[in-house]
Amino acid sequence: MVILVSDGHSNSRPGETVGAADSLKSSDPLLSLYAVAVGTNPNMAALALVATAPRAPYLLRVRAHLPDDVTAVARQLLDSVCSLEENR
């Protein structure tokens, strides 16, 4: 499992992030790559290219920097990881 936390806006070469994510995902078919969007205006399209398909439950968003929102996303990650482990 890999978790990327980002606003989705590249500070360098945008294609490199997607390429690296694709290489990582293809290197291990059991690997799951989660993308967690943060910030007021995250680039969800860019993060969707990074996350494992199907996008739900691998693309998540923290909508506000509030403890309840962060806790809700953390709970989603934990639930998803636990269900993946049960299915292996």
C-alpha atoms as a PDB file:
ATOM      1  CA  MET A   1       0.000   0.000   0.000  1.00  0.00           C
ATOM      2  CA  VAL A   2       1.197   3.473  -0.917  1.00  0.00           C
ATOM      3  CA  ILE A   3      -0.505   6.686   0.154  1.00  0.00           C
ATOM      4  CA  LEU A   4       0.163   9.928  -1.706  1.00  0.00           C
ATOM      5  CA  VAL A   5      -1.048  13.075   0.056  1.00  0.00           C
ATOM      6  CA  SER A   6      -1.024  16.070  -2.273  1.00  0.00           C
ATOM      7  CA  ASP A   7      -2.925  19.021  -3.656  1.00  0.00           C
ATOM      8  CA  GLY A   8      -2.405  17.473  -7.094  1.00  0.00           C
ATOM      9  CA  HIS A   9      -0.586  20.494  -8.483  1.00  0.00           C
ATOM     10  CA  SER A  10       2.867  19.569  -9.741  1.00  0.00           C
ATOM     11  CA  ASN A  11       5.807  21.734  -8.784  1.00  0.00           C
ATOM     12  CA  SER A  12       7.976  20.239 -11.500  1.00  0.00           C
ATOM     13  CA  ARG A  13       7.108  17.936 -14.403  1.00  0.00           C
ATOM     14  CA  PRO A  14       3.509  16.696 -14.101  1.00  0.00           C
ATOM     15  CA  GLY A  15       3.991  13.649 -16.327  1.00  0.00           C
ATOM     16  CA  GLU A  16       6.702  12.273 -14.065  1.00  0.00           C
ATOM     17  CA  THR A  17       4.297  11.744 -11.181  1.00  0.00           C
ATOM     18  CA  VAL A  18       1.811   9.817 -13.299  1.00  0.00           C
ATOM     19  CA  GLY A  19       4.590   7.800 -14.932  1.00  0.00           C
ATOM     20  CA  ALA A  20       6.124   6.916 -11.572  1.00  0.00           C
ATOM     21  CA  ALA A  21       2.714   5.929 -10.206  1.00  0.00           C
ATOM     22  CA  ASP A  22       2.019   3.737 -13.246  1.00  0.00           C
ATOM     23  CA  SER A  23       5.411   2.034 -12.912  1.00  0.00           C
ATOM     24  CA  LEU A  24       4.828   1.421  -9.235  1.00  0.00           C
ATOM     25  CA  LYS A  25       1.349  -0.017  -9.789  1.00  0.00           C
ATOM     26  CA  SER A  26       2.524  -2.279 -12.608  1.00  0.00           C
ATOM     27  CA  SER A  27       5.474  -3.554 -10.542  1.00  0.00           C
ATOM     28  CA  ASP A  28       3.166  -5.359  -8.107  1.00  0.00           C
ATOM     29  CA  PRO A  29      -0.428  -6.288  -8.991  1.00  0.00           C
ATOM     30  CA  LEU A  30      -1.299  -6.468  -5.281  1.00  0.00           C
ATOM     31  CA  LEU A  31      -0.102  -2.938  -4.580  1.00  0.00           C
ATOM     32  CA  SER A  32      -2.766  -0.317  -3.944  1.00  0.00           C
ATOM     33  CA  LEU A  33      -1.988   3.360  -4.468  1.00  0.00           C
ATOM     34  CA  TYR A  34      -4.225   5.768  -2.579  1.00  0.00           C
ATOM     35  CA  ALA A  35      -4.304   9.450  -3.468  1.00  0.00           C
ATOM     36  CA  VAL A  36      -5.531  11.797  -0.747  1.00  0.00           C
ATOM     37  CA  ALA A  37      -6.351  15.290  -1.989  1.00  0.00           C
ATOM     38  CA  VAL A  38      -5.777  18.205   0.366  1.00  0.00           C
ATOM     39  CA  GLY A  39      -6.093  21.953   0.046  1.00  0.00           C
ATOM     40  CA  THR A  40      -8.791  24.359  -0.999  1.00  0.00           C
ATOM     41  CA  ASN A  41      -8.602  23.615  -4.720  1.00  0.00           C
ATOM     42  CA  PRO A  42      -6.916  20.250  -5.325  1.00  0.00           C
ATOM     43  CA  ASN A  43      -6.364  18.984  -8.847  1.00  0.00           C
ATOM     44  CA  MET A  44      -8.644  15.944  -8.609  1.00  0.00           C
ATOM     45  CA  ALA A  45      -8.108  14.997 -12.258  1.00  0.00           C
ATOM     46  CA  ALA A  46      -4.344  14.714 -11.737  1.00  0.00           C
ATOM     47  CA  LEU A  47      -4.763  12.698  -8.556  1.00  0.00           C
ATOM     48  CA  ALA A  48      -7.263  10.389 -10.243  1.00  0.00           C
ATOM     49  CA  LEU A  49      -4.520   9.455 -12.728  1.00  0.00           C
ATOM     50  CA  VAL A  50      -2.292   8.408  -9.837  1.00  0.00           C
ATOM     51  CA  ALA A  51      -4.787   6.396  -7.776  1.00  0.00           C
ATOM     52  CA  THR A  52      -5.430   2.708  -8.333  1.00  0.00           C
ATOM     53  CA  ALA A  53      -8.476   1.981 -10.496  1.00  0.00           C
ATOM     54  CA  PRO A  54     -11.348   1.858  -9.870  1.00  0.00           C
ATOM     55  CA  ARG A  55     -10.923   5.281  -8.257  1.00  0.00           C
ATOM     56  CA  ALA A  56     -13.285   4.607  -5.367  1.00  0.00           C
ATOM     57  CA  PRO A  57     -12.034   3.853  -2.715  1.00  0.00           C
ATOM     58  CA  TYR A  58      -8.504   4.854  -3.792  1.00  0.00           C
ATOM     59  CA  LEU A  59      -9.133   8.567  -4.379  1.00  0.00           C
ATOM     60  CA  LEU A  60     -10.048  10.469  -1.222  1.00  0.00           C
ATOM     61  CA  ARG A  61     -10.363  14.124  -0.322  1.00  0.00           C
ATOM     62  CA  VAL A  62      -9.851  16.049   2.892  1.00  0.00           C
ATOM     63  CA  ARG A  63     -12.258  18.908   2.300  1.00  0.00           C
ATOM     64  CA  ALA A  64     -11.285  21.019   5.294  1.00  0.00           C
ATOM     65  CA  HIS A  65      -8.466  21.100   7.795  1.00  0.00           C
ATOM     66  CA  LEU A  66     -10.821  20.124  10.548  1.00  0.00           C
ATOM     67  CA  PRO A  67     -10.221  17.182  12.880  1.00  0.00           C
ATOM     68  CA  ASP A  68     -13.530  15.539  11.943  1.00  0.00           C
ATOM     69  CA  ASP A  69     -12.759  15.653   8.216  1.00  0.00           C
ATOM     70  CA  VAL A  70      -9.249  14.290   8.660  1.00  0.00           C
ATOM     71  CA  THR A  71     -10.608  11.560  10.944  1.00  0.00           C
ATOM     72  CA  ALA A  72     -13.265  10.606   8.388  1.00  0.00           C
ATOM     73  CA  VAL A  73     -10.669  10.193   5.620  1.00  0.00           C
ATOM     74  CA  ALA A  74      -8.351   8.264   7.949  1.00  0.00           C
ATOM     75  CA  ARG A  75     -11.259   5.960   8.826  1.00  0.00           C
ATOM     76  CA  GLN A  76     -11.994   5.413   5.107  1.00  0.00           C
ATOM     77  CA  LEU A  77      -8.354   4.501   4.517  1.00  0.00           C
ATOM     78  CA  LEU A  78      -8.318   2.108   7.449  1.00  0.00           C
ATOM     79  CA  ASP A  79     -11.584   0.449   6.397  1.00  0.00           C
ATOM     80  CA  SER A  80     -10.345   0.074   2.844  1.00  0.00           C
ATOM     81  CA  VAL A  81      -6.984  -1.357   3.887  1.00  0.00           C
ATOM     82  CA  CYS A  82      -8.615  -3.810   6.274  1.00  0.00           C
ATOM     83  CA  SER A  83     -11.039  -5.030   3.601  1.00  0.00           C
ATOM     84  CA  LEU A  84      -8.159  -5.465   1.131  1.00  0.00           C
ATOM     85  CA  GLU A  85      -6.239  -7.543   3.636  1.00  0.00           C
ATOM     86  CA  GLU A  86      -9.281  -9.730   4.330  1.00  0.00           C
ATOM     87  CA  ASN A  87      -9.641 -10.459   0.596  1.00  0.00           C
ATOM     88  CA  ARG A  88      -6.019 -11.591   0.137  1.00  0.00           C
END
